Amino acid sequence: MPQTQAVDVLFRPQGWAALPLLAGDESSDGTVVGPLDVVGEVACRQLAGPTMVVQALAAVALARAGFVGAVALLHVGLDPGAILHRLRAVPQRRVMWNGIAMATGIIDITLSLRESIAVYEGDPPFRLSPVMRVVQGDPDSFNTSLLCLGTHTGTHVDAPRHFDDARAGVDAIDLEVLCGRARVVDLRGRGRRIDEAVLSSCDLRGVDRLLLRTDSEGWADGPFDRDYTHLTAGAASWVRAQGIRLLGIDSPSVEGFDSPGMPVHHTLLTQSPAVVVVEGLDLESVDAGDYDLTCLPLNVVGGDGGPARAILRPALPSHAIDPP
C-alpha cells in the first residue's frame, strides 16, 4: 500500500484542492476535494478520486490539534493517527487561500516561566520550590512544588482592578473578549514610544483585538530594562476611540516606566467599557496578520491581574469555508 501522505490545503470559494506537503510527494499534485460540509470545526466530504478518502476521524484530530483548515488524505483503512503524528513533527505549515500564503497550527505566544525570567522592577521574582519529591524505590512518593510569582509575571492580563479597587477582577473579565479574531501589527523599527500617529498609520478597520509586536521582543531574557516599548496617553485614547476591546503588547507594560499618573492604564482599564490589556506576549515568531486568539488568565477571584496562556491560530477568511 502506498505511504500515507499529509497535505496542506488550497482554499477556494467553491471547494478545496489538496496539494502535497511533504517532500517527495510530487506525484499527487492537484487532487481535488469537492465542496465541503462543515460540522463545528470539522470539514469533511467525499474526495473526488477512487483511491483516497478524507476520513472524519482525521479531520477531528487535526482540528483539535489546532491545524486550522488542514486536511489529511488517507488511503482507505490507514490509521489517521499517523497523519497527525507527521503533522505534529513540524509545528507550523503553510496554506494558500486564493494565492495568499498563510500559516497553520497553534502558535504559542506565552513567555516561559522560569527563575531567570525578568520581572517588572519591584515585582516579586518567579520561584518554583520543591515541597515533595519522588523517592527512588518508593511507589507512594510523588512530586509537588510551591509556585511563587506575581500577578503580573510573564505573559499576563491586567484586570480593571489593577488600578481601581471598585472595578472587576481578572476572574470577571468576559472570556468573549479574551478569545476571538485579533490582528498582529509589526511596529519594529517605529521606536519605543508608540503614539497616535504610529497606530493610525496601521490598517485597523474593524479590529476588536490588537496585538503589537515591537522592538522590545526578548526583554524577558535579560535584566529588566526600563527603556521598553510603551504607548503614549494619546495612543491609549486613540485605541479606546476605535472601539478596540483588547490590546496586547510584547513588552512588560503598555505604560512607560514611572509614568506620572499612569494615564495609559487608567484610560484603558478604569473607563467603561474597559479595554482588556495583555502584556508580556511572545510575538517573536509571529508575522503580521489576522489570527484567532485564545488568552486565558488564571481564575484568581478578585485578582488585579493573572498570568495567562495565550495562543494564536491563523485566521482563515470568513468566506474560505462555505456553510452547509
Protein backbone atom coordinates (compact mmCIF):
# COMPACT_ATOMS: atom_id res chain seq x y z
CA MET A 1 0.00 0.00 0.00
CA PRO A 2 1.40 3.46 -0.82
CA GLN A 3 2.78 5.55 2.03
CA THR A 4 0.31 7.82 3.84
CA GLN A 5 0.60 11.44 2.75
CA ALA A 6 -0.15 14.64 4.68
CA VAL A 7 -1.15 17.71 2.73
CA ASP A 8 -1.77 21.39 3.09
CA VAL A 9 -4.86 22.92 1.57
CA LEU A 10 -5.50 25.41 -1.20
CA PHE A 11 -8.71 27.22 -0.29
CA ARG A 12 -11.12 28.28 -3.00
CA PRO A 13 -14.60 29.73 -2.60
CA GLN A 14 -16.21 26.73 -4.32
CA GLY A 15 -14.08 23.95 -2.88
CA TRP A 16 -10.70 22.80 -1.72
CA ALA A 17 -7.78 21.43 -3.69
CA ALA A 18 -5.35 19.30 -1.72
CA LEU A 19 -1.70 19.93 -2.51
CA PRO A 20 1.31 17.84 -1.41
CA LEU A 21 3.01 18.98 1.77
CA LEU A 22 5.87 16.60 2.35
CA ALA A 23 8.99 16.44 0.19
CA GLY A 24 8.94 13.67 -2.39
CA ASP A 25 5.18 13.74 -2.86
CA GLU A 26 5.32 15.38 -6.27
CA SER A 27 3.18 12.73 -7.94
CA SER A 28 -0.06 13.67 -6.17
CA ASP A 29 -0.41 17.36 -7.02
CA GLY A 30 -3.79 18.74 -7.96
CA THR A 31 -6.01 16.19 -6.21
CA VAL A 32 -9.38 17.98 -5.99
CA VAL A 33 -11.67 17.85 -3.00
CA GLY A 34 -15.32 18.64 -3.61
CA PRO A 35 -17.33 21.28 -1.74
CA LEU A 36 -17.24 20.68 1.99
CA ASP A 37 -19.87 20.25 4.63
CA VAL A 38 -18.95 21.91 7.91
CA VAL A 39 -19.73 20.36 11.30
CA GLY A 40 -18.34 22.61 14.01
CA GLU A 41 -14.61 22.83 13.30
CA VAL A 42 -14.60 19.67 11.23
CA ALA A 43 -14.96 19.78 7.47
CA CYS A 44 -15.24 16.55 5.53
CA ARG A 45 -16.91 15.16 2.46
CA GLN A 46 -16.04 12.62 -0.18
CA LEU A 47 -12.85 13.09 -2.12
CA ALA A 48 -13.28 13.13 -5.89
CA GLY A 49 -10.91 10.25 -6.50
CA PRO A 50 -11.19 6.45 -6.32
CA THR A 51 -8.09 5.69 -4.22
CA MET A 52 -8.26 8.19 -1.35
CA VAL A 53 -10.83 9.46 1.13
CA VAL A 54 -10.95 12.20 3.72
CA GLN A 55 -11.75 10.46 7.00
CA ALA A 56 -13.79 12.30 9.59
CA LEU A 57 -11.62 11.00 12.40
CA ALA A 58 -8.53 12.58 10.87
CA ALA A 59 -10.32 15.91 10.44
CA VAL A 60 -11.46 15.82 14.07
CA ALA A 61 -7.95 15.03 15.30
CA LEU A 62 -6.41 17.77 13.20
CA ALA A 63 -8.96 20.35 14.30
CA ARG A 64 -8.38 19.50 17.95
CA ALA A 65 -4.62 19.72 17.43
CA GLY A 66 -5.02 23.23 16.05
CA PHE A 67 -4.20 22.63 12.40
CA VAL A 68 -6.68 25.17 11.12
CA GLY A 69 -8.08 24.16 7.76
CA ALA A 70 -5.66 21.26 7.39
CA VAL A 71 -6.99 18.18 5.64
CA ALA A 72 -5.33 14.77 5.85
CA LEU A 73 -5.54 12.48 2.86
CA LEU A 74 -5.55 8.83 3.90
CA HIS A 75 -5.56 5.66 1.89
CA VAL A 76 -8.58 3.63 2.88
CA GLY A 77 -8.07 1.74 6.13
CA LEU A 78 -4.99 3.60 7.41
CA ASP A 79 -4.90 4.99 10.95
CA PRO A 80 -5.43 8.79 10.91
CA GLY A 81 -3.14 9.00 13.94
CA ALA A 82 -0.20 8.51 11.57
CA ILE A 83 -1.15 11.67 9.72
CA LEU A 84 -1.48 13.63 12.96
CA HIS A 85 1.89 12.37 14.16
CA ARG A 86 3.60 13.55 10.98
CA LEU A 87 1.95 16.96 11.08
CA ARG A 88 2.93 17.46 14.71
CA ALA A 89 6.55 16.89 13.80
CA VAL A 90 6.57 20.28 12.06
CA PRO A 91 4.54 22.71 14.17
CA GLN A 92 3.87 25.37 11.56
CA ARG A 93 2.68 24.76 8.00
CA ARG A 94 1.65 26.94 5.12
CA VAL A 95 -1.69 27.04 3.37
CA MET A 96 -2.89 29.08 0.43
CA TRP A 97 -6.16 30.93 0.07
CA ASN A 98 -6.65 32.34 -3.42
CA GLY A 99 -2.88 32.64 -3.77
CA ILE A 100 -2.26 34.15 -0.32
CA ALA A 101 0.15 32.15 1.86
CA MET A 102 -0.98 31.61 5.44
CA ALA A 103 0.50 29.63 8.33
CA THR A 104 -1.43 26.88 10.09
CA GLY A 105 -1.10 25.32 13.51
CA ILE A 106 -1.08 26.58 17.07
CA ILE A 107 1.41 29.35 17.80
CA ASP A 108 2.23 29.70 21.49
CA ILE A 109 2.74 33.39 22.33
CA THR A 110 3.33 32.82 26.03
CA LEU A 111 6.63 33.56 27.75
CA SER A 112 8.12 30.54 29.52
CA LEU A 113 8.04 30.93 33.29
CA ARG A 114 11.46 30.22 34.76
CA GLU A 115 13.58 31.54 37.62
CA SER A 116 15.68 33.62 35.22
CA ILE A 117 12.70 35.45 33.67
CA ALA A 118 12.86 39.22 34.00
CA VAL A 119 10.04 40.80 36.02
CA TYR A 120 8.87 44.38 36.23
CA GLU A 121 11.01 46.36 38.64
CA GLY A 122 9.58 45.94 42.15
CA ASP A 123 7.55 42.81 41.35
CA PRO A 124 8.31 39.56 43.16
CA PRO A 125 10.63 37.15 41.35
CA PHE A 126 9.43 33.85 39.95
CA ARG A 127 10.21 30.86 42.16
CA LEU A 128 9.45 27.14 41.82
CA SER A 129 10.39 25.31 45.00
CA PRO A 130 10.15 21.56 45.73
CA VAL A 131 7.79 20.52 48.51
CA MET A 132 7.61 16.75 47.94
CA ARG A 133 9.89 14.71 45.73
CA VAL A 134 9.84 11.22 44.28
CA VAL A 135 11.95 8.83 46.37
CA GLN A 136 13.70 6.09 44.46
CA GLY A 137 12.08 2.77 45.24
CA ASP A 138 9.01 4.29 46.95
CA PRO A 139 5.95 3.92 44.66
CA ASP A 140 3.89 6.10 47.01
CA SER A 141 6.16 9.14 46.58
CA PHE A 142 5.40 11.96 44.16
CA ASN A 143 6.50 15.43 43.10
CA THR A 144 4.74 18.57 44.34
CA SER A 145 6.14 22.09 44.11
CA LEU A 146 5.38 25.52 45.51
CA LEU A 147 4.86 28.16 42.85
CA CYS A 148 5.56 31.78 43.79
CA LEU A 149 5.02 34.62 41.34
CA GLY A 150 3.36 37.99 40.99
CA THR A 151 0.04 38.51 39.29
CA HIS A 152 1.85 40.39 36.51
CA THR A 153 4.66 37.92 35.84
CA GLY A 154 5.49 36.89 32.28
CA THR A 155 2.55 36.88 29.88
CA HIS A 156 -0.37 38.22 31.87
CA VAL A 157 -3.69 40.02 31.75
CA ASP A 158 -4.29 43.31 33.54
CA ALA A 159 -7.70 43.50 35.18
CA PRO A 160 -9.51 46.82 35.75
CA ARG A 161 -8.90 46.23 39.47
CA HIS A 162 -5.19 46.76 38.78
CA PHE A 163 -5.90 50.49 39.10
CA ASP A 164 -9.32 50.68 40.76
CA ASP A 165 -10.39 48.60 43.76
CA ALA A 166 -14.04 49.05 42.79
CA ARG A 167 -13.58 47.55 39.34
CA ALA A 168 -13.70 43.97 38.08
CA GLY A 169 -11.05 41.44 38.98
CA VAL A 170 -9.39 39.16 36.49
CA ASP A 171 -11.95 36.44 37.24
CA ALA A 172 -14.75 38.68 35.98
CA ILE A 173 -13.25 39.60 32.59
CA ASP A 174 -15.51 38.49 29.76
CA LEU A 175 -13.93 35.47 28.09
CA GLU A 176 -15.53 36.52 24.82
CA VAL A 177 -13.16 39.49 24.82
CA LEU A 178 -10.14 37.31 25.57
CA CYS A 179 -10.88 34.90 22.72
CA GLY A 180 -11.54 35.75 19.08
CA ARG A 181 -10.19 37.38 15.95
CA ALA A 182 -7.08 39.52 16.56
CA ARG A 183 -4.71 41.47 14.35
CA VAL A 184 -0.94 41.40 14.90
CA VAL A 185 0.78 44.62 13.83
CA ASP A 186 4.56 44.74 13.39
CA LEU A 187 5.87 48.01 14.82
CA ARG A 188 9.53 47.08 14.93
CA GLY A 189 11.66 49.99 13.84
CA ARG A 190 8.97 52.51 14.82
CA GLY A 191 10.61 53.43 18.12
CA ARG A 192 9.87 52.64 21.74
CA ARG A 193 7.23 55.34 22.14
CA ILE A 194 4.05 54.33 20.30
CA ASP A 195 1.90 57.37 19.75
CA GLU A 196 -1.38 58.01 17.97
CA ALA A 197 0.38 58.72 14.67
CA VAL A 198 2.05 55.30 14.68
CA LEU A 199 -1.19 53.44 15.37
CA SER A 200 -3.31 55.48 12.97
CA SER A 201 -0.88 54.60 10.16
CA CYS A 202 -1.89 50.94 10.51
CA ASP A 203 -4.93 49.36 8.89
CA LEU A 204 -7.08 48.60 11.92
CA ARG A 205 -10.53 48.88 10.39
CA GLY A 206 -12.94 46.50 12.12
CA VAL A 207 -10.28 45.29 14.57
CA ASP A 208 -11.52 44.29 18.03
CA ARG A 209 -8.29 42.82 19.37
CA LEU A 210 -4.91 44.38 18.61
CA LEU A 211 -1.53 42.78 19.36
CA LEU A 212 1.64 44.86 18.99
CA ARG A 213 4.98 43.35 18.01
CA THR A 214 7.64 45.89 18.95
CA ASP A 215 11.35 46.46 19.42
CA SER A 216 11.05 45.12 22.97
CA GLU A 217 10.73 41.46 21.99
CA GLY A 218 13.14 39.36 24.04
CA TRP A 219 13.01 41.71 27.03
CA ALA A 220 12.34 38.85 29.47
CA ASP A 221 15.61 37.08 28.64
CA GLY A 222 17.89 39.54 30.43
CA PRO A 223 17.89 42.03 33.28
CA PHE A 224 14.86 44.30 33.41
CA ASP A 225 15.33 47.33 31.15
CA ARG A 226 13.30 50.45 31.94
CA ASP A 227 13.56 51.57 28.32
CA TYR A 228 10.88 49.24 26.93
CA THR A 229 8.30 49.98 24.24
CA HIS A 230 5.11 51.56 25.51
CA LEU A 231 2.09 53.62 24.47
CA THR A 232 1.55 57.31 24.98
CA ALA A 233 -1.58 58.63 26.68
CA GLY A 234 -2.78 59.88 23.29
CA ALA A 235 -2.32 56.43 21.79
CA ALA A 236 -4.36 54.88 24.60
CA SER A 237 -7.19 57.36 23.95
CA TRP A 238 -7.00 56.55 20.23
CA VAL A 239 -7.27 52.82 20.94
CA ARG A 240 -10.38 53.42 23.03
CA ALA A 241 -11.91 55.69 20.39
CA GLN A 242 -11.53 52.94 17.75
CA GLY A 243 -13.64 50.56 19.82
CA ILE A 244 -10.77 48.12 20.33
CA ARG A 245 -11.69 45.70 23.13
CA LEU A 246 -8.33 44.08 23.81
CA LEU A 247 -4.80 45.46 23.48
CA GLY A 248 -1.76 43.22 23.74
CA ILE A 249 1.93 44.06 23.62
CA ASP A 250 5.19 42.12 23.72
CA SER A 251 6.81 44.49 26.23
CA PRO A 252 6.42 44.28 30.03
CA SER A 253 3.84 47.07 30.11
CA VAL A 254 1.72 49.30 27.90
CA GLU A 255 2.77 52.18 30.17
CA GLY A 256 6.17 53.86 30.21
CA PHE A 257 8.25 53.21 33.30
CA ASP A 258 7.49 55.53 36.22
CA SER A 259 4.85 57.38 34.17
CA PRO A 260 3.23 60.08 36.36
CA GLY A 261 -0.43 59.31 36.97
CA MET A 262 -0.34 56.14 34.85
CA PRO A 263 -2.62 57.70 32.16
CA VAL A 264 -2.38 54.76 29.72
CA HIS A 265 -3.62 52.19 32.22
CA HIS A 266 -6.31 54.49 33.56
CA THR A 267 -7.57 55.29 30.06
CA LEU A 268 -7.74 51.64 29.09
CA LEU A 269 -8.82 49.97 32.33
CA THR A 270 -10.79 52.34 34.53
CA GLN A 271 -13.18 53.77 31.95
CA SER A 272 -16.23 51.84 30.77
CA PRO A 273 -16.12 49.58 28.95
CA ALA A 274 -12.62 48.56 29.94
CA VAL A 275 -10.09 47.69 27.25
CA VAL A 276 -8.52 44.40 28.33
CA VAL A 277 -4.72 44.70 28.48
CA VAL A 278 -2.40 41.76 27.82
CA GLU A 279 1.29 42.36 28.49
CA GLY A 280 4.43 40.30 28.05
CA LEU A 281 3.39 38.48 24.87
CA ASP A 282 5.95 36.49 22.92
CA LEU A 283 5.40 37.53 19.29
CA GLU A 284 8.93 36.85 18.06
CA SER A 285 7.83 34.12 15.65
CA VAL A 286 4.55 35.74 14.58
CA ASP A 287 4.09 37.52 11.27
CA ALA A 288 1.77 40.49 10.96
CA GLY A 289 -1.76 39.49 10.06
CA ASP A 290 -5.05 38.19 11.38
CA TYR A 291 -5.27 35.32 13.86
CA ASP A 292 -7.68 33.67 16.24
CA LEU A 293 -6.56 34.48 19.77
CA THR A 294 -7.16 32.41 22.89
CA CYS A 295 -5.87 34.08 26.06
CA LEU A 296 -6.92 32.60 29.40
CA PRO A 297 -5.63 34.11 32.65
CA LEU A 298 -5.67 32.20 35.91
CA ASN A 299 -9.12 32.40 37.51
CA VAL A 300 -7.97 34.37 40.57
CA VAL A 301 -11.02 35.69 42.42
CA GLY A 302 -10.68 39.45 42.76
CA GLY A 303 -7.23 39.37 41.19
CA ASP A 304 -5.70 42.60 39.89
CA GLY A 305 -4.22 40.52 37.10
CA GLY A 306 -3.24 37.00 36.28
CA PRO A 307 -0.59 35.03 34.41
CA ALA A 308 -2.09 33.67 31.20
CA ARG A 309 -1.52 31.08 28.49
CA ALA A 310 -2.01 32.73 25.14
CA ILE A 311 -2.07 31.08 21.73
CA LEU A 312 -2.80 32.11 18.16
CA ARG A 313 -4.27 30.19 15.26
CA PRO A 314 -4.00 31.84 11.85
CA ALA A 315 -7.44 33.06 10.84
CA LEU A 316 -8.91 31.99 7.52
CA PRO A 317 -11.03 34.46 5.56
CA SER A 318 -14.64 34.19 6.69
CA HIS A 319 -15.74 33.02 3.25
CA ALA A 320 -12.98 30.41 2.86
CA ILE A 321 -15.40 27.72 4.01
CA ASP A 322 -18.92 27.91 2.70
CA PRO A 323 -21.58 26.99 5.27
CA PRO A 324 -23.59 23.83 4.52
